[in-house]
Amino acid sequence: MKQKIVIKVSMHCSKCRTEALQVAAVAYGVNSVALHGPEKDKLMILGEGVDVACLTEALRKKLCHATVEIVEEVKEPSPPTPTPTPPAPPTPPPQIIYCQQPPQFECFRVVADPSPAPCTIM
């Protein structure tokens, strides 16, 4: 579960800001650290499984004053639901082309034999 933590820290100069960012960046579970607020006196920390009490204590040791302002769970945006696409129109059946060859004719002609041969068997 991702957490968003805002901690107000007494930061008087750029060196204090650098030290605060370094302390927060090396803490277990921290994914990102940014300065927050109009005076840039707050740290906005995003991470998973961050021990807020331990982080605040480390900031107090380094910079003397640190108070937790906000600890909230960041909900991940749900993936967009795919919009149903209308079904594609049915495709017409493929055209079948038949090629017919003209029939082949065999011509026969009956020719009468003018002189039949004498057949002994018949």
PDB file of N, CA and C in Angstrom:
ATOM      1  N   MET A   1       0.845  -1.169   0.000  1.00  0.00           N
ATOM      2  CA  MET A   1       0.000   0.000   0.000  1.00  0.00           C
ATOM      3  C   MET A   1       0.892   1.235   0.000  1.00  0.00           C
ATOM      4  N   LYS A   2       0.637   2.120  -0.919  1.00  0.00           N
ATOM      5  CA  LYS A   2       1.443   3.333  -1.031  1.00  0.00           C
ATOM      6  C   LYS A   2       0.958   4.364  -0.026  1.00  0.00           C
ATOM      7  N   GLN A   3       1.911   5.117   0.505  1.00  0.00           N
ATOM      8  CA  GLN A   3       1.603   6.142   1.492  1.00  0.00           C
ATOM      9  C   GLN A   3       2.100   7.499   1.006  1.00  0.00           C
ATOM     10  N   LYS A   4       1.349   8.511   1.409  1.00  0.00           N
ATOM     11  CA  LYS A   4       1.789   9.880   1.191  1.00  0.00           C
ATOM     12  C   LYS A   4       1.941  10.491   2.580  1.00  0.00           C
ATOM     13  N   ILE A   5       3.138  10.993   2.866  1.00  0.00           N
ATOM     14  CA  ILE A   5       3.445  11.533   4.188  1.00  0.00           C
ATOM     15  C   ILE A   5       3.934  12.969   4.009  1.00  0.00           C
ATOM     16  N   VAL A   6       3.366  13.876   4.808  1.00  0.00           N
ATOM     17  CA  VAL A   6       3.828  15.267   4.810  1.00  0.00           C
ATOM     18  C   VAL A   6       4.358  15.559   6.216  1.00  0.00           C
ATOM     19  N   ILE A   7       5.640  15.962   6.283  1.00  0.00           N
ATOM     20  CA  ILE A   7       6.287  16.257   7.562  1.00  0.00           C
ATOM     21  C   ILE A   7       6.798  17.689   7.502  1.00  0.00           C
ATOM     22  N   LYS A   8       6.422  18.470   8.522  1.00  0.00           N
ATOM     23  CA  LYS A   8       6.920  19.849   8.609  1.00  0.00           C
ATOM     24  C   LYS A   8       8.234  19.809   9.377  1.00  0.00           C
ATOM     25  N   VAL A   9       9.266  20.390   8.760  1.00  0.00           N
ATOM     26  CA  VAL A   9      10.613  20.367   9.338  1.00  0.00           C
ATOM     27  C   VAL A   9      11.125  21.800   9.400  1.00  0.00           C
ATOM     28  N   SER A  10      11.841  22.129  10.484  1.00  0.00           N
ATOM     29  CA  SER A  10      12.423  23.479  10.560  1.00  0.00           C
ATOM     30  C   SER A  10      13.657  23.502   9.667  1.00  0.00           C
ATOM     31  N   MET A  11      13.521  24.204   8.538  1.00  0.00           N
ATOM     32  CA  MET A  11      14.627  24.308   7.578  1.00  0.00           C
ATOM     33  C   MET A  11      14.872  25.794   7.336  1.00  0.00           C
ATOM     34  N   HIS A  12      16.021  26.268   7.804  1.00  0.00           N
ATOM     35  CA  HIS A  12      16.320  27.695   7.726  1.00  0.00           C
ATOM     36  C   HIS A  12      17.155  28.057   6.500  1.00  0.00           C
ATOM     37  N   CYS A  13      17.899  27.128   5.987  1.00  0.00           N
ATOM     38  CA  CYS A  13      18.800  27.434   4.872  1.00  0.00           C
ATOM     39  C   CYS A  13      18.822  26.271   3.883  1.00  0.00           C
ATOM     40  N   SER A  14      19.557  26.443   2.829  1.00  0.00           N
ATOM     41  CA  SER A  14      19.615  25.396   1.797  1.00  0.00           C
ATOM     42  C   SER A  14      20.347  24.155   2.313  1.00  0.00           C
ATOM     43  N   LYS A  15      21.295  24.349   3.247  1.00  0.00           N
ATOM     44  CA  LYS A  15      21.993  23.204   3.816  1.00  0.00           C
ATOM     45  C   LYS A  15      21.027  22.333   4.621  1.00  0.00           C
ATOM     46  N   CYS A  16      20.133  22.986   5.384  1.00  0.00           N
ATOM     47  CA  CYS A  16      19.131  22.240   6.160  1.00  0.00           C
ATOM     48  C   CYS A  16      18.196  21.469   5.230  1.00  0.00           C
ATOM     49  N   ARG A  17      17.808  22.105   4.139  1.00  0.00           N
ATOM     50  CA  ARG A  17      16.924  21.433   3.168  1.00  0.00           C
ATOM     51  C   ARG A  17      17.617  20.211   2.572  1.00  0.00           C
ATOM     52  N   THR A  18      18.879  20.355   2.231  1.00  0.00           N
ATOM     53  CA  THR A  18      19.638  19.251   1.657  1.00  0.00           C
ATOM     54  C   THR A  18      19.748  18.094   2.641  1.00  0.00           C
ATOM     55  N   GLU A  19      20.041  18.398   3.900  1.00  0.00           N
ATOM     56  CA  GLU A  19      20.157  17.358   4.922  1.00  0.00           C
ATOM     57  C   GLU A  19      18.817  16.655   5.130  1.00  0.00           C
ATOM     58  N   ALA A  20      17.726  17.429   5.145  1.00  0.00           N
ATOM     59  CA  ALA A  20      16.402  16.834   5.342  1.00  0.00           C
ATOM     60  C   ALA A  20      16.048  15.907   4.168  1.00  0.00           C
ATOM     61  N   LEU A  21      16.349  16.341   2.965  1.00  0.00           N
ATOM     62  CA  LEU A  21      16.074  15.506   1.791  1.00  0.00           C
ATOM     63  C   LEU A  21      16.916  14.236   1.817  1.00  0.00           C
ATOM     64  N   GLN A  22      18.166  14.337   2.243  1.00  0.00           N
ATOM     65  CA  GLN A  22      19.035  13.161   2.310  1.00  0.00           C
ATOM     66  C   GLN A  22      18.548  12.163   3.350  1.00  0.00           C
ATOM     67  N   VAL A  23      18.154  12.647   4.513  1.00  0.00           N
ATOM     68  CA  VAL A  23      17.667  11.759   5.576  1.00  0.00           C
ATOM     69  C   VAL A  23      16.405  11.034   5.109  1.00  0.00           C
ATOM     70  N   ALA A  24      15.497  11.765   4.485  1.00  0.00           N
ATOM     71  CA  ALA A  24      14.247  11.155   4.036  1.00  0.00           C
ATOM     72  C   ALA A  24      14.482  10.190   2.874  1.00  0.00           C
ATOM     73  N   ALA A  25      15.416  10.499   1.993  1.00  0.00           N
ATOM     74  CA  ALA A  25      15.646   9.669   0.811  1.00  0.00           C
ATOM     75  C   ALA A  25      16.224   8.306   1.153  1.00  0.00           C
ATOM     76  N   VAL A  26      17.020   8.217   2.224  1.00  0.00           N
ATOM     77  CA  VAL A  26      17.649   6.938   2.558  1.00  0.00           C
ATOM     78  C   VAL A  26      16.778   6.087   3.482  1.00  0.00           C
ATOM     79  N   ALA A  27      15.641   6.590   3.916  1.00  0.00           N
ATOM     80  CA  ALA A  27      14.757   5.822   4.805  1.00  0.00           C
ATOM     81  C   ALA A  27      14.167   4.641   4.051  1.00  0.00           C
ATOM     82  N   TYR A  28      13.900   3.566   4.775  1.00  0.00           N
ATOM     83  CA  TYR A  28      13.368   2.337   4.176  1.00  0.00           C
ATOM     84  C   TYR A  28      11.972   2.571   3.577  1.00  0.00           C
ATOM     85  N   GLY A  29      11.776   2.141   2.362  1.00  0.00           N
ATOM     86  CA  GLY A  29      10.470   2.201   1.709  1.00  0.00           C
ATOM     87  C   GLY A  29      10.146   3.493   0.994  1.00  0.00           C
ATOM     88  N   VAL A  30      11.027   4.476   1.047  1.00  0.00           N
ATOM     89  CA  VAL A  30      10.758   5.768   0.418  1.00  0.00           C
ATOM     90  C   VAL A  30      11.033   5.665  -1.081  1.00  0.00           C
ATOM     91  N   ASN A  31      10.029   6.083  -1.875  1.00  0.00           N
ATOM     92  CA  ASN A  31      10.185   6.090  -3.336  1.00  0.00           C
ATOM     93  C   ASN A  31      10.548   7.467  -3.864  1.00  0.00           C
ATOM     94  N   SER A  32       9.944   8.520  -3.296  1.00  0.00           N
ATOM     95  CA  SER A  32      10.267   9.871  -3.759  1.00  0.00           C
ATOM     96  C   SER A  32      10.107  10.861  -2.609  1.00  0.00           C
ATOM     97  N   VAL A  33      10.900  11.928  -2.688  1.00  0.00           N
ATOM     98  CA  VAL A  33      10.882  12.990  -1.674  1.00  0.00           C
ATOM     99  C   VAL A  33      10.839  14.318  -2.415  1.00  0.00           C
ATOM    100  N   ALA A  34       9.998  15.249  -1.946  1.00  0.00           N
ATOM    101  CA  ALA A  34       9.925  16.567  -2.574  1.00  0.00           C
ATOM    102  C   ALA A  34       9.648  17.608  -1.495  1.00  0.00           C
ATOM    103  N   LEU A  35      10.108  18.817  -1.758  1.00  0.00           N
ATOM    104  CA  LEU A  35       9.782  19.937  -0.871  1.00  0.00           C
ATOM    105  C   LEU A  35       8.370  20.386  -1.191  1.00  0.00           C
ATOM    106  N   HIS A  36       7.642  20.764  -0.146  1.00  0.00           N
ATOM    107  CA  HIS A  36       6.219  21.060  -0.299  1.00  0.00           C
ATOM    108  C   HIS A  36       5.883  22.298   0.526  1.00  0.00           C
ATOM    109  N   GLY A  37       4.825  22.973   0.133  1.00  0.00           N
ATOM    110  CA  GLY A  37       4.365  24.145   0.883  1.00  0.00           C
ATOM    111  C   GLY A  37       4.879  25.433   0.274  1.00  0.00           C
ATOM    112  N   PRO A  38       4.230  26.549   0.662  1.00  0.00           N
ATOM    113  CA  PRO A  38       4.625  27.843   0.085  1.00  0.00           C
ATOM    114  C   PRO A  38       6.026  28.286   0.515  1.00  0.00           C
ATOM    115  N   GLU A  39       6.448  27.906   1.698  1.00  0.00           N
ATOM    116  CA  GLU A  39       7.777  28.289   2.181  1.00  0.00           C
ATOM    117  C   GLU A  39       8.806  27.172   1.999  1.00  0.00           C
ATOM    118  N   LYS A  40       8.392  26.087   1.349  1.00  0.00           N
ATOM    119  CA  LYS A  40       9.257  24.910   1.131  1.00  0.00           C
ATOM    120  C   LYS A  40       9.810  24.382   2.452  1.00  0.00           C
ATOM    121  N   ASP A  41       8.948  24.381   3.478  1.00  0.00           N
ATOM    122  CA  ASP A  41       9.375  23.905   4.787  1.00  0.00           C
ATOM    123  C   ASP A  41       8.764  22.548   5.137  1.00  0.00           C
ATOM    124  N   LYS A  42       8.175  21.888   4.159  1.00  0.00           N
ATOM    125  CA  LYS A  42       7.555  20.581   4.379  1.00  0.00           C
ATOM    126  C   LYS A  42       8.128  19.582   3.389  1.00  0.00           C
ATOM    127  N   LEU A  43       8.256  18.355   3.843  1.00  0.00           N
ATOM    128  CA  LEU A  43       8.692  17.274   2.978  1.00  0.00           C
ATOM    129  C   LEU A  43       7.482  16.423   2.604  1.00  0.00           C
ATOM    130  N   MET A  44       7.276  16.200   1.333  1.00  0.00           N
ATOM    131  CA  MET A  44       6.228  15.282   0.904  1.00  0.00           C
ATOM    132  C   MET A  44       6.933  14.010   0.461  1.00  0.00           C
ATOM    133  N   ILE A  45       6.607  12.915   1.125  1.00  0.00           N
ATOM    134  CA  ILE A  45       7.294  11.647   0.919  1.00  0.00           C
ATOM    135  C   ILE A  45       6.281  10.636   0.409  1.00  0.00           C
ATOM    136  N   LEU A  46       6.635   9.954  -0.661  1.00  0.00           N
ATOM    137  CA  LEU A  46       5.810   8.872  -1.192  1.00  0.00           C
ATOM    138  C   LEU A  46       6.601   7.582  -1.073  1.00  0.00           C
ATOM    139  N   GLY A  47       5.925   6.534  -0.603  1.00  0.00           N
ATOM    140  CA  GLY A  47       6.619   5.262  -0.469  1.00  0.00           C
ATOM    141  C   GLY A  47       5.690   4.161  -0.013  1.00  0.00           C
ATOM    142  N   GLU A  48       6.273   2.983   0.140  1.00  0.00           N
ATOM    143  CA  GLU A  48       5.514   1.815   0.593  1.00  0.00           C
ATOM    144  C   GLU A  48       6.166   1.272   1.858  1.00  0.00           C
ATOM    145  N   GLY A  49       5.373   1.112   2.898  1.00  0.00           N
ATOM    146  CA  GLY A  49       5.877   0.546   4.149  1.00  0.00           C
ATOM    147  C   GLY A  49       6.839   1.460   4.888  1.00  0.00           C
ATOM    148  N   VAL A  50       6.664   2.752   4.773  1.00  0.00           N
ATOM    149  CA  VAL A  50       7.546   3.710   5.450  1.00  0.00           C
ATOM    150  C   VAL A  50       7.170   3.765   6.923  1.00  0.00           C
ATOM    151  N   ASP A  51       8.176   3.662   7.795  1.00  0.00           N
ATOM    152  CA  ASP A  51       7.938   3.796   9.233  1.00  0.00           C
ATOM    153  C   ASP A  51       8.000   5.286   9.565  1.00  0.00           C
ATOM    154  N   VAL A  52       6.832   5.890   9.748  1.00  0.00           N
ATOM    155  CA  VAL A  52       6.731   7.340   9.937  1.00  0.00           C
ATOM    156  C   VAL A  52       7.419   7.775  11.230  1.00  0.00           C
ATOM    157  N   ALA A  53       7.232   7.015  12.303  1.00  0.00           N
ATOM    158  CA  ALA A  53       7.840   7.386  13.590  1.00  0.00           C
ATOM    159  C   ALA A  53       9.365   7.371  13.496  1.00  0.00           C
ATOM    160  N   CYS A  54       9.919   6.362  12.848  1.00  0.00           N
ATOM    161  CA  CYS A  54      11.372   6.255  12.711  1.00  0.00           C
ATOM    162  C   CYS A  54      11.921   7.385  11.831  1.00  0.00           C
ATOM    163  N   LEU A  55      11.193   7.710  10.765  1.00  0.00           N
ATOM    164  CA  LEU A  55      11.612   8.785   9.876  1.00  0.00           C
ATOM    165  C   LEU A  55      11.578  10.140  10.596  1.00  0.00           C
ATOM    166  N   THR A  56      10.527  10.375  11.360  1.00  0.00           N
ATOM    167  CA  THR A  56      10.410  11.637  12.095  1.00  0.00           C
ATOM    168  C   THR A  56      11.523  11.756  13.139  1.00  0.00           C
ATOM    169  N   GLU A  57      11.806  10.653  13.811  1.00  0.00           N
ATOM    170  CA  GLU A  57      12.869  10.658  14.816  1.00  0.00           C
ATOM    171  C   GLU A  57      14.232  10.960  14.177  1.00  0.00           C
ATOM    172  N   ALA A  58      14.504  10.390  13.007  1.00  0.00           N
ATOM    173  CA  ALA A  58      15.774  10.639  12.320  1.00  0.00           C
ATOM    174  C   ALA A  58      15.875  12.109  11.896  1.00  0.00           C
ATOM    175  N   LEU A  59      14.754  12.694  11.457  1.00  0.00           N
ATOM    176  CA  LEU A  59      14.760  14.111  11.083  1.00  0.00           C
ATOM    177  C   LEU A  59      14.972  15.004  12.302  1.00  0.00           C
ATOM    178  N   ARG A  60      14.398  14.617  13.450  1.00  0.00           N
ATOM    179  CA  ARG A  60      14.574  15.414  14.674  1.00  0.00           C
ATOM    180  C   ARG A  60      16.019  15.374  15.152  1.00  0.00           C
ATOM    181  N   LYS A  61      16.675  14.208  15.017  1.00  0.00           N
ATOM    182  CA  LYS A  61      18.076  14.107  15.430  1.00  0.00           C
ATOM    183  C   LYS A  61      18.961  15.009  14.581  1.00  0.00           C
ATOM    184  N   LYS A  62      18.650  15.070  13.287  1.00  0.00           N
ATOM    185  CA  LYS A  62      19.484  15.833  12.367  1.00  0.00           C
ATOM    186  C   LYS A  62      19.160  17.325  12.377  1.00  0.00           C
ATOM    187  N   LEU A  63      17.845  17.678  12.495  1.00  0.00           N
ATOM    188  CA  LEU A  63      17.442  19.074  12.321  1.00  0.00           C
ATOM    189  C   LEU A  63      16.719  19.681  13.524  1.00  0.00           C
ATOM    190  N   CYS A  64      16.583  18.969  14.601  1.00  0.00           N
ATOM    191  CA  CYS A  64      15.989  19.448  15.860  1.00  0.00           C
ATOM    192  C   CYS A  64      14.467  19.477  15.878  1.00  0.00           C
ATOM    193  N   HIS A  65      13.793  19.883  14.824  1.00  0.00           N
ATOM    194  CA  HIS A  65      12.340  20.008  14.911  1.00  0.00           C
ATOM    195  C   HIS A  65      11.691  19.390  13.661  1.00  0.00           C
ATOM    196  N   ALA A  66      10.753  18.437  13.901  1.00  0.00           N
ATOM    197  CA  ALA A  66      10.005  17.824  12.800  1.00  0.00           C
ATOM    198  C   ALA A  66       8.675  17.329  13.349  1.00  0.00           C
ATOM    199  N   THR A  67       7.578  17.650  12.674  1.00  0.00           N
ATOM    200  CA  THR A  67       6.253  17.186  13.083  1.00  0.00           C
ATOM    201  C   THR A  67       5.529  16.586  11.880  1.00  0.00           C
ATOM    202  N   VAL A  68       4.823  15.525  12.164  1.00  0.00           N
ATOM    203  CA  VAL A  68       4.061  14.846  11.114  1.00  0.00           C
ATOM    204  C   VAL A  68       2.748  15.592  10.930  1.00  0.00           C
ATOM    205  N   GLU A  69       2.431  15.952   9.709  1.00  0.00           N
ATOM    206  CA  GLU A  69       1.172  16.643   9.436  1.00  0.00           C
ATOM    207  C   GLU A  69       0.139  15.725   8.797  1.00  0.00           C
ATOM    208  N   ILE A  70       0.523  14.970   7.782  1.00  0.00           N
ATOM    209  CA  ILE A  70      -0.434  14.121   7.062  1.00  0.00           C
ATOM    210  C   ILE A  70       0.204  12.762   6.792  1.00  0.00           C
ATOM    211  N   VAL A  71      -0.570  11.723   7.064  1.00  0.00           N
ATOM    212  CA  VAL A  71      -0.214  10.376   6.622  1.00  0.00           C
ATOM    213  C   VAL A  71      -1.484   9.810   6.002  1.00  0.00           C
ATOM    214  N   GLU A  72      -1.424   9.538   4.721  1.00  0.00           N
ATOM    215  CA  GLU A  72      -2.615   8.984   4.061  1.00  0.00           C
ATOM    216  C   GLU A  72      -2.204   7.951   3.027  1.00  0.00           C
ATOM    217  N   GLU A  73      -3.143   7.074   2.763  1.00  0.00           N
ATOM    218  CA  GLU A  73      -2.910   6.028   1.771  1.00  0.00           C
ATOM    219  C   GLU A  73      -3.237   6.582   0.387  1.00  0.00           C
ATOM    220  N   VAL A  74      -2.361   6.309  -0.544  1.00  0.00           N
ATOM    221  CA  VAL A  74      -2.571   6.751  -1.919  1.00  0.00           C
ATOM    222  C   VAL A  74      -3.166   5.579  -2.687  1.00  0.00           C
ATOM    223  N   LYS A  75      -4.337   5.797  -3.218  1.00  0.00           N
ATOM    224  CA  LYS A  75      -4.982   4.737  -3.990  1.00  0.00           C
ATOM    225  C   LYS A  75      -4.499   4.814  -5.428  1.00  0.00           C
ATOM    226  N   GLU A  76      -4.124   3.669  -5.944  1.00  0.00           N
ATOM    227  CA  GLU A  76      -3.664   3.616  -7.323  1.00  0.00           C
ATOM    228  C   GLU A  76      -4.866   3.760  -8.242  1.00  0.00           C
ATOM    229  N   PRO A  77      -4.713   4.521  -9.296  1.00  0.00           N
ATOM    230  CA  PRO A  77      -5.848   4.671 -10.210  1.00  0.00           C
ATOM    231  C   PRO A  77      -6.159   3.324 -10.863  1.00  0.00           C
ATOM    232  N   SER A  78      -7.440   3.036 -10.916  1.00  0.00           N
ATOM    233  CA  SER A  78      -7.840   1.767 -11.526  1.00  0.00           C
ATOM    234  C   SER A  78      -7.635   1.862 -13.031  1.00  0.00           C
ATOM    235  N   PRO A  79      -7.283   0.754 -13.634  1.00  0.00           N
ATOM    236  CA  PRO A  79      -7.069   0.799 -15.080  1.00  0.00           C
ATOM    237  C   PRO A  79      -8.384   1.124 -15.783  1.00  0.00           C
ATOM    238  N   PRO A  80      -8.316   1.901 -16.832  1.00  0.00           N
ATOM    239  CA  PRO A  80      -9.559   2.275 -17.518  1.00  0.00           C
ATOM    240  C   PRO A  80     -10.242   1.044 -18.099  1.00  0.00           C
ATOM    241  N   THR A  81     -11.550   1.039 -17.951  1.00  0.00           N
ATOM    242  CA  THR A  81     -12.293  -0.093 -18.481  1.00  0.00           C
ATOM    243  C   THR A  81     -12.372   0.044 -19.996  1.00  0.00           C
ATOM    244  N   PRO A  82     -12.098  -1.029 -20.675  1.00  0.00           N
ATOM    245  CA  PRO A  82     -12.141  -0.937 -22.133  1.00  0.00           C
ATOM    246  C   PRO A  82     -13.575  -0.757 -22.612  1.00  0.00           C
ATOM    247  N   THR A  83     -13.749   0.156 -23.520  1.00  0.00           N
ATOM    248  CA  THR A  83     -15.093   0.377 -24.056  1.00  0.00           C
ATOM    249  C   THR A  83     -15.398  -0.718 -25.062  1.00  0.00           C
ATOM    250  N   PRO A  84     -16.588  -1.269 -24.972  1.00  0.00           N
ATOM    251  CA  PRO A  84     -16.901  -2.348 -25.913  1.00  0.00           C
ATOM    252  C   PRO A  84     -17.013  -1.794 -27.329  1.00  0.00           C
ATOM    253  N   THR A  85     -16.323  -2.428 -28.209  1.00  0.00           N
ATOM    254  CA  THR A  85     -16.377  -1.999 -29.602  1.00  0.00           C
ATOM    255  C   THR A  85     -17.525  -2.720 -30.290  1.00  0.00           C
ATOM    256  N   PRO A  86     -18.232  -2.022 -31.158  1.00  0.00           N
ATOM    257  CA  PRO A  86     -19.340  -2.684 -31.834  1.00  0.00           C
ATOM    258  C   PRO A  86     -18.791  -3.793 -32.728  1.00  0.00           C
ATOM    259  N   PRO A  87     -19.574  -4.851 -32.879  1.00  0.00           N
ATOM    260  CA  PRO A  87     -19.081  -5.950 -33.705  1.00  0.00           C
ATOM    261  C   PRO A  87     -18.934  -5.495 -35.156  1.00  0.00           C
ATOM    262  N   ALA A  88     -17.963  -6.045 -35.795  1.00  0.00           N
ATOM    263  CA  ALA A  88     -17.701  -5.688 -37.184  1.00  0.00           C
ATOM    264  C   ALA A  88     -18.847  -6.203 -38.058  1.00  0.00           C
ATOM    265  N   PRO A  89     -19.194  -5.466 -39.097  1.00  0.00           N
ATOM    266  CA  PRO A  89     -20.269  -5.942 -39.962  1.00  0.00           C
ATOM    267  C   PRO A  89     -19.857  -7.262 -40.612  1.00  0.00           C
ATOM    268  N   PRO A  90     -20.835  -8.110 -40.843  1.00  0.00           N
ATOM    269  CA  PRO A  90     -20.472  -9.412 -41.420  1.00  0.00           C
ATOM    270  C   PRO A  90     -19.890  -9.229 -42.821  1.00  0.00           C
ATOM    271  N   THR A  91     -18.904 -10.000 -43.084  1.00  0.00           N
ATOM    272  CA  THR A  91     -18.271  -9.919 -44.403  1.00  0.00           C
ATOM    273  C   THR A  91     -19.060 -10.790 -45.375  1.00  0.00           C
ATOM    274  N   PRO A  92     -19.228 -10.336 -46.606  1.00  0.00           N
ATOM    275  CA  PRO A  92     -19.970 -11.147 -47.570  1.00  0.00           C
ATOM    276  C   PRO A  92     -19.178 -12.413 -47.886  1.00  0.00           C
ATOM    277  N   PRO A  93     -19.885 -13.478 -48.232  1.00  0.00           N
ATOM    278  CA  PRO A  93     -19.158 -14.713 -48.541  1.00  0.00           C
ATOM    279  C   PRO A  93     -18.286 -14.490 -49.782  1.00  0.00           C
ATOM    280  N   PRO A  94     -17.216 -15.192 -49.868  1.00  0.00           N
ATOM    281  CA  PRO A  94     -16.338 -15.000 -51.016  1.00  0.00           C
ATOM    282  C   PRO A  94     -17.042 -15.423 -52.304  1.00  0.00           C
ATOM    283  N   GLN A  95     -16.728 -14.731 -53.362  1.00  0.00           N
ATOM    284  CA  GLN A  95     -17.352 -15.057 -54.638  1.00  0.00           C
ATOM    285  C   GLN A  95     -16.674 -16.290 -55.216  1.00  0.00           C
ATOM    286  N   ILE A  96     -17.506 -17.224 -55.650  1.00  0.00           N
ATOM    287  CA  ILE A  96     -16.997 -18.447 -56.255  1.00  0.00           C
ATOM    288  C   ILE A  96     -17.236 -18.345 -57.753  1.00  0.00           C
ATOM    289  N   ILE A  97     -16.197 -18.475 -58.491  1.00  0.00           N
ATOM    290  CA  ILE A  97     -16.305 -18.373 -59.943  1.00  0.00           C
ATOM    291  C   ILE A  97     -16.131 -19.771 -60.525  1.00  0.00           C
ATOM    292  N   TYR A  98     -17.127 -20.196 -61.284  1.00  0.00           N
ATOM    293  CA  TYR A  98     -17.071 -21.495 -61.931  1.00  0.00           C
ATOM    294  C   TYR A  98     -16.658 -21.293 -63.381  1.00  0.00           C
ATOM    295  N   CYS A  99     -15.702 -22.035 -63.802  1.00  0.00           N
ATOM    296  CA  CYS A  99     -15.286 -21.989 -65.205  1.00  0.00           C
ATOM    297  C   CYS A  99     -15.727 -23.303 -65.858  1.00  0.00           C
ATOM    298  N   GLN A 100     -16.606 -23.202 -66.792  1.00  0.00           N
ATOM    299  CA  GLN A 100     -17.059 -24.399 -67.484  1.00  0.00           C
ATOM    300  C   GLN A 100     -16.448 -24.416 -68.869  1.00  0.00           C
ATOM    301  N   GLN A 101     -15.881 -25.532 -69.184  1.00  0.00           N
ATOM    302  CA  GLN A 101     -15.325 -25.681 -70.514  1.00  0.00           C
ATOM    303  C   GLN A 101     -16.432 -26.220 -71.424  1.00  0.00           C
ATOM    304  N   PRO A 102     -16.404 -25.804 -72.632  1.00  0.00           N
ATOM    305  CA  PRO A 102     -17.428 -26.320 -73.535  1.00  0.00           C
ATOM    306  C   PRO A 102     -17.243 -27.830 -73.695  1.00  0.00           C
ATOM    307  N   PRO A 103     -18.361 -28.545 -73.774  1.00  0.00           N
ATOM    308  CA  PRO A 103     -18.235 -30.007 -73.901  1.00  0.00           C
ATOM    309  C   PRO A 103     -17.515 -30.368 -75.204  1.00  0.00           C
ATOM    310  N   GLN A 104     -16.752 -31.400 -75.128  1.00  0.00           N
ATOM    311  CA  GLN A 104     -16.035 -31.847 -76.321  1.00  0.00           C
ATOM    312  C   GLN A 104     -16.876 -32.933 -76.999  1.00  0.00           C
ATOM    313  N   PHE A 105     -17.076 -32.770 -78.262  1.00  0.00           N
ATOM    314  CA  PHE A 105     -17.882 -33.708 -79.033  1.00  0.00           C
ATOM    315  C   PHE A 105     -16.972 -34.571 -79.897  1.00  0.00           C
ATOM    316  N   GLU A 106     -17.314 -35.801 -79.951  1.00  0.00           N
ATOM    317  CA  GLU A 106     -16.643 -36.689 -80.891  1.00  0.00           C
ATOM    318  C   GLU A 106     -17.643 -37.017 -81.981  1.00  0.00           C
ATOM    319  N   CYS A 107     -17.260 -36.795 -83.147  1.00  0.00           N
ATOM    320  CA  CYS A 107     -18.157 -37.034 -84.268  1.00  0.00           C
ATOM    321  C   CYS A 107     -17.833 -38.388 -84.896  1.00  0.00           C
ATOM    322  N   PHE A 108     -18.859 -39.151 -85.053  1.00  0.00           N
ATOM    323  CA  PHE A 108     -18.723 -40.450 -85.707  1.00  0.00           C
ATOM    324  C   PHE A 108     -19.615 -40.440 -86.935  1.00  0.00           C
ATOM    325  N   ARG A 109     -19.161 -41.119 -87.891  1.00  0.00           N
ATOM    326  CA  ARG A 109     -19.930 -41.219 -89.119  1.00  0.00           C
ATOM    327  C   ARG A 109     -20.042 -42.686 -89.493  1.00  0.00           C
ATOM    328  N   VAL A 110     -21.232 -43.064 -89.738  1.00  0.00           N
ATOM    329  CA  VAL A 110     -21.454 -44.463 -90.128  1.00  0.00           C
ATOM    330  C   VAL A 110     -21.340 -44.534 -91.643  1.00  0.00           C
ATOM    331  N   VAL A 111     -20.471 -45.374 -92.077  1.00  0.00           N
ATOM    332  CA  VAL A 111     -20.254 -45.547 -93.519  1.00  0.00           C
ATOM    333  C   VAL A 111     -20.668 -46.970 -93.870  1.00  0.00           C
ATOM    334  N   ALA A 112     -21.510 -47.070 -94.820  1.00  0.00           N
ATOM    335  CA  ALA A 112     -21.945 -48.396 -95.259  1.00  0.00           C
ATOM    336  C   ALA A 112     -20.921 -48.956 -96.227  1.00  0.00           C
ATOM    337  N   ASP A 113     -20.595 -50.174 -96.002  1.00  0.00           N
ATOM    338  CA  ASP A 113     -19.608 -50.827 -96.848  1.00  0.00           C
ATOM    339  C   ASP A 113     -20.321 -51.317 -98.117  1.00  0.00           C
ATOM    340  N   PRO A 114     -19.931 -50.837 -99.290  1.00  0.00           N
ATOM    341  CA  PRO A 114     -20.663 -51.196-100.497  1.00  0.00           C
ATOM    342  C   PRO A 114     -20.552 -52.674-100.853  1.00  0.00           C
ATOM    343  N   SER A 115     -19.504 -53.231-100.569  1.00  0.00           N
ATOM    344  CA  SER A 115     -19.390 -54.641-100.892  1.00  0.00           C
ATOM    345  C   SER A 115     -19.056 -55.434 -99.648  1.00  0.00           C
ATOM    346  N   PRO A 116     -20.033 -56.027 -99.044  1.00  0.00           N
ATOM    347  CA  PRO A 116     -19.706 -56.751 -97.826  1.00  0.00           C
ATOM    348  C   PRO A 116     -18.893 -57.993 -98.137  1.00  0.00           C
ATOM    349  N   ALA A 117     -17.952 -58.241 -97.329  1.00  0.00           N
ATOM    350  CA  ALA A 117     -17.103 -59.412 -97.517  1.00  0.00           C
ATOM    351  C   ALA A 117     -17.849 -60.654 -97.055  1.00  0.00           C
ATOM    352  N   PRO A 118     -17.691 -61.666 -97.715  1.00  0.00           N
ATOM    353  CA  PRO A 118     -18.386 -62.871 -97.268  1.00  0.00           C
ATOM    354  C   PRO A 118     -17.783 -63.362 -95.975  1.00  0.00           C
ATOM    355  N   CYS A 119     -18.601 -63.575 -95.052  1.00  0.00           N
ATOM    356  CA  CYS A 119     -18.176 -64.011 -93.714  1.00  0.00           C
ATOM    357  C   CYS A 119     -18.588 -65.447 -93.568  1.00  0.00           C
ATOM    358  N   THR A 120     -17.691 -66.247 -93.213  1.00  0.00           N
ATOM    359  CA  THR A 120     -17.993 -67.653 -93.085  1.00  0.00           C
ATOM    360  C   THR A 120     -18.503 -67.993 -91.702  1.00  0.00           C
ATOM    361  N   ILE A 121     -18.205 -67.221 -90.763  1.00  0.00           N
ATOM    362  CA  ILE A 121     -18.616 -67.514 -89.404  1.00  0.00           C
ATOM    363  C   ILE A 121     -20.055 -67.075 -89.193  1.00  0.00           C
ATOM    364  N   MET A 122     -20.456 -66.109 -89.774  1.00  0.00           N
ATOM    365  CA  MET A 122     -21.794 -65.587 -89.521  1.00  0.00           C
ATOM    366  C   MET A 122     -22.777 -66.190 -90.387  1.00  0.00           C
TER     367      MET A 122
END
